[in-house]
Amino acid sequence: MAKQKATTEEPLEKQLWKAADKLRKNIDAAEYKHIVLGLIFLKYISDAFEELYARLKVVEANGADPEDKDEYKAENVFFVPQDARWSYLQSKAKQPEIGKFVDEAMDAIEKENASLKGVLPKVFARQNLDPTSLGELIDLVGNIALGDAKARSADVLGHVFEYFLGEFALAEGKKGGQFYTPRSVVELLVEMLEPYKGRVFDPCCGSGGMFVHSEKFVTEHQGKVNDISIYGQESNQTTWRLAKMNLAIRGIDSSQVKWNNEGSFLNDAHKDLKADYIIANPPFNVSDWGGDLMRTDGRWQYGTPPTGNANFAWMQHFIYHLAPSGQAGVVLAKGALTSKTSGEGDIRKALVENGLIDCIVNLPAKLFLNTQIPAALWFMSKKFPSSGGVAESRGGQEILFIDARNLGHLINRRTRELSQEDIDKITSTYHNWRNSPPLEGAGGGKFPSNGGVVEDRGGYEDIAGFCASTPISKVAELDYVLTPGRYVGLPDEEDDFNFAERFAGLKAELEEQLKEEARLNEIIADNLKKIKMPE
C-alpha cells in the first residue's frame, strides 16, 4: 500500500488570501483591497448584529425589540438594516446586480450608525468588478468563522482583516507602505513601551496598526483593555477609513481618531492632548510639510526645524504631546542620527542634553515597503517614573544604543522582517537596562575601569557589536552623533573579520542585482516593441 504524503495545511488566512487574490483578475491591488476589506468588515458587523438579534428574539416576550436600534447601541453593537445583513446579501450573491446591492447596504449601515459615516467603501458596482467574481468573493468571506460565537468570530475576522492589510501592502509595494507599518516593527515598538494603561497617541496613524497591537498587548498580559484610550490623526482620507474599519472590527473605540487633509502640523486635531505613550511611524524626510508657515510655532521648544525636512518637526511634535512622565517610540530615517544641516544637529544636541533620548535602535535594511532609506527607532521619555525601580537620573545621564542591523530574515527578495526571537532579544535588553541602576560615574563623564559594565546591573550588560549603555558625556565627545555603531563596536567574533570573504559576498550580491535589472530592462524593451505606435 502506497504511503500517503504528509501534508501541512496552510493557515486559514493564507488559504483565504490565495482564493481572494485569484478572483482579483484585472483589478489593481490598491483598488481591490477596499472591496475585500469592506466585505470582511460587513461580515463582522453582521455577525455581531445577528448574534444579539437572536438573543433579543428569545426575550422578545419580555419587552425586548430585536429591531430597536437602542438595544444595539446599549451593547456597543452596530445596527444592521434588513437589506444590509449578510444573509440577505449572500442570498443575492449570484445575481448580476449584486454590486449595487452591496453599495446600497454600505449606505444603509452608514445612515443607521453615525460613527461609520463616510467610512465604508461603495465600490462594488464598478464596471471592472465582475459580478460573478464578487458573488464568489461573498461566498468566500461568508465562510470565515462560520458557526463561531461572536467573540470567536470577531477574533478570527479581525485576524484575517489584519493579515489581508499586510498582504495588500506587500502587493502594492511602495504605495502600500503609506498605509501600513510592517507588523514586526509595530510589535517591537509596542513591546518596548509596554502601554498597559493611559492615553496612546499616533499623529500619523495609517491604518491603525499601532492601536490594534497596543490593545492586543494589554489583553495578552491579562490587563484591562478599557484602561487605555487611543488618539490618532491621519491626513489621507482613504487610509483613515481603513483605520476606522480596522479598529471597529477589533471593538476598539475610534472616536478620537481624526482626519483632516492639512495634517498634524498645520491642523493639530489634538492640540491639548498630553499622551502617556506615543507610538508612530511618520513619513521619512518630507520636504513639503508647511514649515515656512510655522517658524514661530510653540512646539519647537528645542530649535526651529528646517523647512526642507520634517524629521525634527515630527520629533518635537511628539515631545510636545508627551505627558510629564510620558514615553515615545518612533521610527525615523537613519539620517536624523547624524544630520547637521539647517540646525538639525543643534536640535539633536538639545534633545540629548535635556535627557529626552532614552534608547536608539538601529534597524536592519529592507523592513519597510515604501522606502529603502535606512531607519532607526528612537525611544524618548520626559521622566522615569519614580515608582518603577529606576533611578530618575538615568534618563539624563545615559543612552542605550542597540545595533540590530544583523537581525531579521528575508520573506522575499525585497522585504525583511524581525522574528519573535529578534523582538525578544531587543526588548529584553532594553527592559533589563531600564530596570538596572545607572552606570557608576556616568554623570562625571568617565566609564568604570572595567570598560563600562557594572558587574551587577539587574541583568543588563554591554554586548560588543550589539548594545552599549553610554554616558551623555561620551555622546558629547562624539559631537552628539547617535549612530549605535559608534558606541557598540564590533562583535568579539569579528576581531578576525575576513575582508576578502565579505567583499566577495558583496560582489556576488551586486552582480545578482545587476542581472535582475538587466532582466527587467529586457521585459520593458519587449513590451515597448509590442506597443503599436499611432500612424
Protein backbone atom coordinates (compact mmCIF):
# COMPACT_ATOMS: atom_id res chain seq x y z
CA MET A 1 0.00 0.00 0.00
CA ALA A 2 1.42 3.39 -1.03
CA LYS A 3 2.32 5.76 1.75
CA GLN A 4 0.27 8.92 1.94
CA LYS A 5 2.22 12.15 1.72
CA ALA A 6 2.22 14.13 4.92
CA THR A 7 0.64 17.48 4.21
CA THR A 8 0.76 20.57 6.35
CA GLU A 9 -2.44 22.52 5.92
CA GLU A 10 -1.88 26.24 5.41
CA PRO A 11 -3.34 28.65 7.97
CA LEU A 12 -6.87 29.84 7.22
CA GLU A 13 -5.81 33.41 6.43
CA LYS A 14 -3.27 32.23 3.79
CA GLN A 15 -5.82 29.99 2.13
CA LEU A 16 -8.33 32.85 2.05
CA TRP A 17 -5.77 35.27 0.63
CA LYS A 18 -4.86 32.92 -2.22
CA ALA A 19 -8.53 32.31 -3.02
CA ALA A 20 -9.41 36.02 -2.88
CA ASP A 21 -6.38 37.01 -4.97
CA LYS A 22 -7.43 34.57 -7.73
CA LEU A 23 -10.69 36.49 -8.05
CA ARG A 24 -8.89 39.82 -8.49
CA LYS A 25 -8.30 39.40 -12.23
CA ASN A 26 -7.77 42.86 -13.80
CA ILE A 27 -8.21 44.98 -10.67
CA ASP A 28 -5.21 46.72 -9.08
CA ALA A 29 -4.40 45.68 -5.52
CA ALA A 30 -4.84 49.32 -4.39
CA GLU A 31 -8.48 49.24 -5.51
CA TYR A 32 -9.17 45.59 -4.71
CA LYS A 33 -8.24 45.97 -1.02
CA HIS A 34 -11.27 48.20 -0.42
CA ILE A 35 -13.55 45.57 -1.95
CA VAL A 36 -12.20 42.65 0.08
CA LEU A 37 -11.67 44.52 3.37
CA GLY A 38 -15.08 46.14 3.02
CA LEU A 39 -16.72 42.71 2.74
CA ILE A 40 -14.79 41.34 5.74
CA PHE A 41 -15.93 44.35 7.77
CA LEU A 42 -19.52 43.89 6.63
CA LYS A 43 -19.39 40.22 7.66
CA TYR A 44 -18.06 41.20 11.09
CA ILE A 45 -20.77 43.75 11.93
CA SER A 46 -23.46 41.48 10.53
CA ASP A 47 -22.28 38.53 12.67
CA ALA A 48 -22.27 40.71 15.80
CA PHE A 49 -25.71 42.07 14.96
CA GLU A 50 -27.20 38.63 14.20
CA GLU A 51 -26.00 37.17 17.49
CA LEU A 52 -27.55 39.98 19.54
CA TYR A 53 -30.67 39.84 17.36
CA ALA A 54 -31.08 36.14 18.22
CA ARG A 55 -30.71 36.85 21.95
CA LEU A 56 -33.29 39.64 21.79
CA LYS A 57 -35.68 37.35 19.93
CA VAL A 58 -35.56 34.90 22.84
CA VAL A 59 -36.62 37.58 25.34
CA GLU A 60 -38.97 39.42 22.96
CA ALA A 61 -42.00 38.41 25.07
CA ASN A 62 -40.45 40.29 28.00
CA GLY A 63 -40.41 43.58 26.11
CA ALA A 64 -37.16 43.36 24.10
CA ASP A 65 -37.40 44.58 20.50
CA PRO A 66 -34.94 42.99 18.04
CA GLU A 67 -35.50 45.86 15.58
CA ASP A 68 -34.91 48.66 18.12
CA LYS A 69 -31.62 50.45 17.37
CA ASP A 70 -31.21 51.49 21.00
CA GLU A 71 -30.95 47.84 22.06
CA TYR A 72 -27.81 47.53 19.91
CA LYS A 73 -26.36 50.88 20.89
CA ALA A 74 -26.57 49.84 24.55
CA GLU A 75 -24.45 46.75 23.77
CA ASN A 76 -21.96 48.68 21.58
CA VAL A 77 -23.09 46.72 18.50
CA PHE A 78 -23.68 48.33 15.08
CA PHE A 79 -27.30 48.21 13.91
CA VAL A 80 -27.61 46.50 10.51
CA PRO A 81 -30.81 47.13 8.47
CA GLN A 82 -32.67 44.18 6.91
CA ASP A 83 -31.33 44.65 3.35
CA ALA A 84 -27.72 45.06 4.58
CA ARG A 85 -27.48 41.85 6.59
CA TRP A 86 -25.02 39.26 5.39
CA SER A 87 -27.66 36.55 5.00
CA TYR A 88 -29.63 38.82 2.66
CA LEU A 89 -26.59 39.74 0.54
CA GLN A 90 -25.44 36.13 0.34
CA SER A 91 -28.87 35.16 -0.99
CA LYS A 92 -28.36 37.72 -3.79
CA ALA A 93 -24.70 36.79 -4.48
CA LYS A 94 -25.42 35.08 -7.82
CA GLN A 95 -27.44 37.95 -9.26
CA PRO A 96 -25.80 40.28 -11.83
CA GLU A 97 -26.79 43.34 -9.74
CA ILE A 98 -25.02 42.13 -6.60
CA GLY A 99 -22.59 45.10 -6.72
CA LYS A 100 -25.49 47.54 -6.46
CA PHE A 101 -26.95 45.60 -3.51
CA VAL A 102 -23.66 45.77 -1.59
CA ASP A 103 -23.20 49.50 -2.24
CA GLU A 104 -26.76 50.12 -1.02
CA ALA A 105 -26.04 48.01 2.07
CA MET A 106 -22.98 50.13 2.89
CA ASP A 107 -25.06 53.31 2.51
CA ALA A 108 -27.81 51.94 4.74
CA ILE A 109 -25.35 50.96 7.50
CA GLU A 110 -23.75 54.43 7.48
CA LYS A 111 -27.17 56.07 7.80
CA GLU A 112 -28.01 53.96 10.86
CA ASN A 113 -24.60 54.34 12.59
CA ALA A 114 -23.24 57.88 12.88
CA SER A 115 -19.70 56.72 13.79
CA LEU A 116 -19.40 55.00 10.38
CA LYS A 117 -20.49 58.00 8.32
CA GLY A 118 -18.14 58.47 5.36
CA VAL A 119 -16.11 55.38 6.30
CA LEU A 120 -17.43 52.40 4.32
CA PRO A 121 -16.44 51.74 0.68
CA LYS A 122 -19.08 51.97 -2.07
CA VAL A 123 -17.05 50.48 -4.90
CA PHE A 124 -18.89 47.26 -5.63
CA ALA A 125 -20.94 48.29 -8.69
CA ARG A 126 -17.93 49.41 -10.74
CA GLN A 127 -17.69 48.01 -14.26
CA ASN A 128 -14.24 46.47 -13.77
CA LEU A 129 -15.57 44.26 -10.94
CA ASP A 130 -17.09 41.15 -12.48
CA PRO A 131 -20.42 40.31 -10.67
CA THR A 132 -19.64 36.58 -10.79
CA SER A 133 -16.28 37.13 -9.09
CA LEU A 134 -17.93 39.40 -6.50
CA GLY A 135 -20.51 36.68 -5.77
CA GLU A 136 -17.74 34.12 -5.31
CA LEU A 137 -15.87 36.53 -3.03
CA ILE A 138 -19.01 36.99 -0.89
CA ASP A 139 -19.32 33.20 -0.57
CA LEU A 140 -15.62 33.00 0.38
CA VAL A 141 -15.88 35.69 3.07
CA GLY A 142 -19.15 34.14 4.24
CA ASN A 143 -17.30 31.00 5.27
CA ILE A 144 -14.91 32.83 7.62
CA ALA A 145 -15.64 31.89 11.23
CA LEU A 146 -18.91 30.27 10.13
CA GLY A 147 -20.78 28.97 13.15
CA ASP A 148 -18.46 30.62 15.70
CA ALA A 149 -19.81 32.64 18.60
CA LYS A 150 -19.49 36.42 18.38
CA ALA A 151 -16.32 36.65 20.48
CA ARG A 152 -14.56 33.95 18.46
CA SER A 153 -15.92 35.25 15.15
CA ALA A 154 -14.69 38.79 15.89
CA ASP A 155 -11.23 37.48 16.74
CA VAL A 156 -10.98 35.40 13.55
CA LEU A 157 -12.33 38.16 11.31
CA GLY A 158 -10.06 40.72 12.98
CA HIS A 159 -7.03 38.49 12.41
CA VAL A 160 -7.97 37.95 8.74
CA PHE A 161 -8.53 41.70 8.25
CA GLU A 162 -5.09 42.47 9.70
CA TYR A 163 -3.40 39.73 7.66
CA PHE A 164 -5.03 40.99 4.45
CA LEU A 165 -3.89 44.56 5.19
CA GLY A 166 -0.31 43.28 5.27
CA GLU A 167 -0.69 41.22 2.09
CA PHE A 168 -2.23 44.14 0.21
CA ALA A 169 0.62 46.36 1.40
CA LEU A 170 3.11 43.83 0.01
CA ALA A 171 1.16 43.62 -3.26
CA GLU A 172 1.17 47.41 -3.63
CA GLY A 173 4.86 47.69 -2.75
CA LYS A 174 5.97 51.29 -2.30
CA LYS A 175 2.43 52.68 -2.14
CA GLY A 176 1.44 50.02 0.36
CA GLY A 177 3.90 51.41 2.87
CA GLN A 178 1.89 54.61 3.05
CA PHE A 179 -0.91 52.92 4.99
CA TYR A 180 0.85 50.01 6.65
CA THR A 181 3.78 49.74 9.07
CA PRO A 182 5.21 46.18 8.97
CA ARG A 183 3.82 44.05 11.76
CA SER A 184 7.20 43.11 13.24
CA VAL A 185 8.17 46.80 13.60
CA VAL A 186 4.84 47.61 15.28
CA GLU A 187 5.24 44.67 17.67
CA LEU A 188 8.77 45.79 18.56
CA LEU A 189 7.64 49.35 19.32
CA VAL A 190 4.69 48.19 21.43
CA GLU A 191 6.65 45.58 23.38
CA MET A 192 9.44 48.06 24.09
CA LEU A 193 6.99 50.64 25.51
CA GLU A 194 4.52 48.24 27.21
CA PRO A 195 1.43 50.51 27.09
CA TYR A 196 -0.58 48.93 29.92
CA LYS A 197 -2.57 51.96 30.98
CA GLY A 198 -3.18 55.52 29.80
CA ARG A 199 -3.53 57.52 26.59
CA VAL A 200 -1.91 56.14 23.42
CA PHE A 201 -1.35 58.63 20.59
CA ASP A 202 -0.29 58.26 16.97
CA PRO A 203 -0.46 61.52 14.97
CA CYS A 204 0.23 59.76 11.64
CA CYS A 205 -1.74 56.59 12.33
CA GLY A 206 -2.11 55.00 8.88
CA SER A 207 -4.48 52.02 9.09
CA GLY A 208 -4.30 51.89 12.89
CA GLY A 209 -1.84 49.04 13.45
CA MET A 210 -0.17 50.74 16.43
CA PHE A 211 -3.51 50.90 18.24
CA VAL A 212 -4.51 47.31 17.43
CA HIS A 213 -1.23 45.96 18.79
CA SER A 214 -1.35 48.19 21.88
CA GLU A 215 -4.73 46.75 22.83
CA LYS A 216 -3.56 43.25 21.94
CA PHE A 217 -0.52 43.73 24.20
CA VAL A 218 -2.74 44.67 27.16
CA THR A 219 -5.07 41.71 26.56
CA GLU A 220 -2.21 39.21 26.23
CA HIS A 221 -0.78 40.38 29.56
CA GLN A 222 -4.10 39.99 31.40
CA GLY A 223 -4.62 43.72 31.60
CA LYS A 224 -7.84 45.68 31.15
CA VAL A 225 -8.34 46.96 27.61
CA ASN A 226 -10.55 49.75 28.96
CA ASP A 227 -7.52 51.07 30.86
CA ILE A 228 -6.10 52.53 27.64
CA SER A 229 -7.67 55.08 25.32
CA ILE A 230 -6.48 55.89 21.82
CA TYR A 231 -6.00 59.16 19.96
CA GLY A 232 -4.93 59.43 16.35
CA GLN A 233 -4.77 61.61 13.28
CA GLU A 234 -4.39 60.82 9.58
CA SER A 235 -4.23 63.19 6.61
CA ASN A 236 -5.13 60.62 3.91
CA GLN A 237 -8.88 60.06 3.99
CA THR A 238 -8.76 56.66 2.29
CA THR A 239 -6.23 55.43 4.83
CA TRP A 240 -8.29 56.91 7.68
CA ARG A 241 -11.26 54.84 6.50
CA LEU A 242 -9.15 51.69 6.68
CA ALA A 243 -8.12 52.65 10.23
CA LYS A 244 -11.73 53.16 11.32
CA MET A 245 -12.73 49.73 9.97
CA ASN A 246 -9.60 48.06 11.38
CA LEU A 247 -10.40 49.42 14.85
CA ALA A 248 -14.14 48.76 14.68
CA ILE A 249 -13.58 45.11 13.76
CA ARG A 250 -11.48 44.82 16.92
CA GLY A 251 -14.12 46.53 19.04
CA ILE A 252 -11.78 49.48 19.71
CA ASP A 253 -13.29 52.94 20.22
CA SER A 254 -12.04 55.09 17.34
CA SER A 255 -13.99 58.25 18.13
CA GLN A 256 -10.73 60.13 18.78
CA VAL A 257 -9.07 59.02 15.52
CA LYS A 258 -9.44 62.15 13.40
CA TRP A 259 -8.98 63.04 9.76
CA ASN A 260 -8.20 66.34 8.10
CA ASN A 261 -6.26 66.88 4.90
CA GLU A 262 -3.97 69.56 6.37
CA GLY A 263 -2.22 67.03 8.60
CA SER A 264 -0.83 67.13 12.15
CA PHE A 265 1.48 70.13 11.69
CA LEU A 266 -0.92 72.63 10.12
CA ASN A 267 -4.11 71.38 11.80
CA ASP A 268 -3.33 69.52 15.02
CA ALA A 269 -6.55 67.62 15.84
CA HIS A 270 -5.49 67.02 19.46
CA LYS A 271 -3.94 70.36 20.46
CA ASP A 272 -4.38 69.88 24.21
CA LEU A 273 -3.57 66.16 24.43
CA LYS A 274 -0.76 65.04 26.71
CA ALA A 275 -0.24 61.34 25.98
CA ASP A 276 1.23 58.65 28.19
CA TYR A 277 2.51 56.78 25.13
CA ILE A 278 3.27 57.93 21.60
CA ILE A 279 3.90 55.22 19.01
CA ALA A 280 4.41 56.42 15.45
CA ASN A 281 5.99 55.86 12.05
CA PRO A 282 5.93 59.28 10.32
CA PRO A 283 6.85 59.62 6.63
CA PHE A 284 10.63 59.99 6.22
CA ASN A 285 12.38 63.19 5.13
CA VAL A 286 9.24 65.05 3.99
CA SER A 287 10.23 68.33 2.34
CA ASP A 288 6.81 69.89 1.70
CA TRP A 289 5.35 69.96 5.22
CA GLY A 290 4.43 73.63 5.62
CA GLY A 291 7.41 74.56 7.75
CA ASP A 292 7.69 78.04 6.22
CA LEU A 293 4.25 78.87 7.70
CA MET A 294 5.20 77.76 11.21
CA ARG A 295 8.55 79.35 12.02
CA THR A 296 7.40 80.54 15.47
CA ASP A 297 5.23 77.56 16.42
CA GLY A 298 5.12 76.78 20.15
CA ARG A 299 6.03 73.14 19.56
CA TRP A 300 9.60 74.00 18.54
CA GLN A 301 10.98 74.03 22.09
CA TYR A 302 14.41 72.65 21.13
CA GLY A 303 15.06 74.53 17.90
CA THR A 304 13.22 75.53 14.73
CA PRO A 305 13.18 72.58 12.29
CA PRO A 306 14.30 73.20 8.69
CA THR A 307 11.59 73.91 6.13
CA GLY A 308 13.07 71.27 3.82
CA ASN A 309 12.85 68.26 6.15
CA ALA A 310 10.10 67.36 8.65
CA ASN A 311 12.06 64.79 10.70
CA PHE A 312 12.79 67.06 13.67
CA ALA A 313 9.42 68.75 13.37
CA TRP A 314 7.88 65.31 13.99
CA MET A 315 10.25 64.70 16.90
CA GLN A 316 9.24 67.94 18.60
CA HIS A 317 5.56 67.37 17.81
CA PHE A 318 5.82 64.04 19.65
CA ILE A 319 7.63 65.55 22.63
CA TYR A 320 5.13 68.42 22.84
CA HIS A 321 2.30 65.92 23.21
CA LEU A 322 4.00 63.77 25.88
CA ALA A 323 2.63 63.84 29.44
CA PRO A 324 5.17 64.71 32.20
CA SER A 325 6.02 61.00 32.63
CA GLY A 326 5.17 60.03 29.05
CA GLN A 327 7.20 57.80 26.75
CA ALA A 328 7.52 57.69 22.97
CA GLY A 329 8.75 55.10 20.50
CA VAL A 330 9.01 56.33 16.91
CA VAL A 331 10.59 55.42 13.57
CA LEU A 332 12.82 57.96 11.81
CA ALA A 333 15.16 57.91 8.84
CA LYS A 334 18.65 56.95 9.95
CA GLY A 335 20.00 60.26 8.65
CA ALA A 336 18.40 62.02 11.64
CA LEU A 337 21.01 60.34 13.86
CA THR A 338 23.84 62.29 12.24
CA SER A 339 22.46 65.20 10.19
CA LYS A 340 23.78 68.69 10.95
CA THR A 341 22.16 70.60 8.10
CA SER A 342 19.91 73.60 8.78
CA GLY A 343 20.24 73.34 12.54
CA GLU A 344 19.26 69.66 12.89
CA GLY A 345 22.46 68.89 14.78
CA ASP A 346 21.64 71.63 17.30
CA ILE A 347 18.14 70.23 17.86
CA ARG A 348 19.54 66.72 18.38
CA LYS A 349 22.10 68.11 20.84
CA ALA A 350 19.32 69.88 22.78
CA LEU A 351 17.28 66.67 22.97
CA VAL A 352 20.28 64.75 24.33
CA GLU A 353 21.29 67.44 26.83
CA ASN A 354 17.72 67.70 28.13
CA GLY A 355 17.73 63.98 28.89
CA LEU A 356 14.93 63.14 26.47
CA ILE A 357 16.67 60.38 24.48
CA ASP A 358 16.32 57.04 26.20
CA CYS A 359 17.37 54.47 23.60
CA ILE A 360 18.31 54.26 19.91
CA VAL A 361 17.82 51.05 17.91
CA ASN A 362 19.48 50.77 14.50
CA LEU A 363 17.16 48.65 12.32
CA PRO A 364 18.01 46.15 9.54
CA ALA A 365 17.57 47.17 5.91
CA LYS A 366 14.52 46.20 3.80
CA LEU A 367 11.99 46.26 6.67
CA PHE A 368 9.79 48.93 5.10
CA LEU A 369 7.72 48.53 1.96
CA ASN A 370 7.67 52.13 0.79
CA THR A 371 11.33 53.06 1.12
CA GLN A 372 14.84 51.65 1.06
CA ILE A 373 16.02 54.51 3.30
CA PRO A 374 17.75 53.05 6.39
CA ALA A 375 15.75 53.61 9.57
CA ALA A 376 16.19 53.67 13.35
CA LEU A 377 13.88 53.65 16.35
CA TRP A 378 14.05 56.49 18.87
CA PHE A 379 12.72 55.92 22.39
CA MET A 380 12.17 59.04 24.43
CA SER A 381 10.89 59.75 27.91
CA LYS A 382 10.36 63.01 29.75
CA LYS A 383 10.99 61.47 33.13
CA PHE A 384 11.40 57.97 34.51
CA PRO A 385 8.56 57.01 36.88
CA SER A 386 9.89 57.19 40.44
CA SER A 387 7.91 54.07 41.37
CA GLY A 388 9.36 51.95 38.59
CA GLY A 389 12.54 50.95 40.37
CA VAL A 390 14.69 53.02 38.00
CA ALA A 391 16.88 55.86 39.21
CA GLU A 392 15.48 59.10 37.77
CA SER A 393 18.97 60.36 36.98
CA ARG A 394 19.48 57.61 34.38
CA GLY A 395 17.30 59.35 31.78
CA GLY A 396 19.55 62.39 31.77
CA GLN A 397 22.91 60.66 32.03
CA GLU A 398 22.89 57.60 29.77
CA ILE A 399 21.58 56.45 26.40
CA LEU A 400 21.20 52.79 25.47
CA PHE A 401 22.42 52.06 21.93
CA ILE A 402 21.30 48.84 20.21
CA ASP A 403 22.61 47.82 16.79
CA ALA A 404 20.07 45.39 15.32
CA ARG A 405 21.20 45.64 11.69
CA ASN A 406 22.14 41.95 11.56
CA LEU A 407 18.79 40.70 12.84
CA GLY A 408 15.74 39.72 10.79
CA HIS A 409 15.21 37.37 7.85
CA LEU A 410 14.07 37.82 4.25
CA ILE A 411 10.45 36.89 3.46
CA ASN A 412 11.01 37.70 -0.22
CA ARG A 413 13.80 39.24 -2.28
CA ARG A 414 12.93 42.80 -1.31
CA THR A 415 11.44 42.53 2.18
CA ARG A 416 12.83 41.55 5.57
CA GLU A 417 11.04 41.05 8.88
CA LEU A 418 12.04 40.56 12.50
CA SER A 419 11.27 37.22 14.14
CA GLN A 420 9.74 36.94 17.61
CA GLU A 421 13.20 35.89 18.85
CA ASP A 422 14.68 39.10 17.39
CA ILE A 423 11.98 41.20 19.05
CA ASP A 424 12.52 39.43 22.39
CA LYS A 425 16.29 39.99 22.19
CA ILE A 426 15.91 43.74 21.66
CA THR A 427 13.11 44.27 24.18
CA SER A 428 14.71 42.21 26.96
CA THR A 429 17.94 44.19 26.52
CA TYR A 430 16.03 47.46 26.84
CA HIS A 431 13.92 46.38 29.81
CA ASN A 432 16.92 44.94 31.67
CA TRP A 433 18.74 48.23 31.10
CA ARG A 434 15.81 50.31 32.34
CA ASN A 435 15.45 48.20 35.46
CA SER A 436 19.11 48.43 36.43
CA PRO A 437 20.93 51.20 38.29
CA PRO A 438 22.79 53.87 36.29
CA LEU A 439 26.44 53.44 35.41
CA GLU A 440 28.83 54.33 38.18
CA GLY A 441 30.37 57.68 37.36
CA ALA A 442 28.10 58.27 34.35
CA GLY A 443 27.49 61.86 35.35
CA GLY A 444 31.21 62.50 35.70
CA GLY A 445 31.96 61.62 32.11
CA LYS A 446 34.10 58.52 32.75
CA PHE A 447 33.44 54.84 32.23
CA PRO A 448 34.21 52.50 35.14
CA SER A 449 37.61 50.85 34.89
CA ASN A 450 36.06 47.57 33.67
CA GLY A 451 35.11 49.13 30.33
CA GLY A 452 31.65 50.47 31.07
CA VAL A 453 29.90 47.45 32.57
CA VAL A 454 28.95 47.31 36.23
CA GLU A 455 29.08 43.70 37.48
CA ASP A 456 25.56 43.60 38.96
CA ARG A 457 23.14 45.71 36.94
CA GLY A 458 19.89 43.81 37.16
CA GLY A 459 20.62 41.51 34.24
CA TYR A 460 21.92 44.13 31.78
CA GLU A 461 25.43 44.17 30.38
CA ASP A 462 27.03 45.67 27.30
CA ILE A 463 27.48 43.22 24.41
CA ALA A 464 30.18 44.11 21.88
CA GLY A 465 28.64 44.70 18.46
CA PHE A 466 25.06 44.74 19.81
CA CYS A 467 24.40 47.07 22.76
CA ALA A 468 26.12 49.69 24.89
CA SER A 469 24.92 51.93 27.72
CA THR A 470 26.72 55.20 27.13
CA PRO A 471 27.09 58.29 29.33
CA ILE A 472 25.90 61.57 27.84
CA SER A 473 29.44 62.90 28.25
CA LYS A 474 30.70 60.26 25.80
CA VAL A 475 27.93 61.20 23.33
CA ALA A 476 29.02 64.84 23.65
CA GLU A 477 32.61 63.86 22.84
CA LEU A 478 31.33 62.37 19.55
CA ASP A 479 29.50 65.61 18.71
CA TYR A 480 26.05 64.21 19.58
CA VAL A 481 26.06 61.70 16.73
CA LEU A 482 23.63 58.93 17.74
CA THR A 483 24.57 56.10 15.35
CA PRO A 484 24.67 52.93 17.52
CA GLY A 485 27.65 51.53 15.60
CA ARG A 486 29.81 54.35 17.02
CA TYR A 487 29.21 53.07 20.55
CA VAL A 488 28.67 49.29 20.43
CA GLY A 489 31.85 48.48 18.47
CA LEU A 490 32.43 45.19 16.62
CA PRO A 491 31.28 41.80 17.91
CA ASP A 492 34.02 39.84 19.66
CA GLU A 493 33.89 37.14 17.00
CA GLU A 494 34.58 39.73 14.30
CA ASP A 495 38.00 40.64 15.63
CA ASP A 496 39.41 38.47 12.84
CA PHE A 497 36.96 39.83 10.27
CA ASN A 498 37.60 38.34 6.81
CA PHE A 499 37.50 41.33 4.47
CA ALA A 500 38.16 39.24 1.36
CA GLU A 501 35.24 36.94 2.15
CA ARG A 502 32.91 39.85 2.86
CA PHE A 503 33.97 41.65 -0.32
CA ALA A 504 33.29 38.52 -2.36
CA GLY A 505 29.83 38.27 -0.82
CA LEU A 506 29.01 41.90 -1.59
CA LYS A 507 30.28 41.48 -5.14
CA ALA A 508 28.01 38.48 -5.65
CA GLU A 509 25.01 40.44 -4.31
CA LEU A 510 25.77 43.33 -6.67
CA GLU A 511 26.10 41.00 -9.67
CA GLU A 512 22.73 39.44 -8.81
CA GLN A 513 21.10 42.86 -8.61
CA LEU A 514 22.62 43.86 -11.97
CA LYS A 515 21.28 40.65 -13.56
CA GLU A 516 17.82 41.38 -12.20
CA GLU A 517 17.99 44.96 -13.51
CA ALA A 518 19.05 43.69 -16.95
CA ARG A 519 16.18 41.19 -16.96
CA LEU A 520 13.66 43.94 -16.12
CA ASN A 521 15.11 46.16 -18.86
CA GLU A 522 14.63 43.33 -21.37
CA ILE A 523 10.99 42.93 -20.33
CA ILE A 524 10.40 46.67 -20.67
CA ALA A 525 12.08 46.70 -24.10
CA ASP A 526 9.95 43.73 -25.29
CA ASN A 527 6.77 45.40 -24.09
CA LEU A 528 7.69 48.65 -25.83
CA LYS A 529 8.14 46.76 -29.10
CA LYS A 530 4.64 45.34 -28.76
CA ILE A 531 3.09 48.78 -28.38
CA LYS A 532 1.73 49.85 -31.74
CA MET A 533 2.73 53.45 -32.38
CA PRO A 534 -0.02 55.70 -33.85
CA GLU A 535 0.38 56.35 -37.57
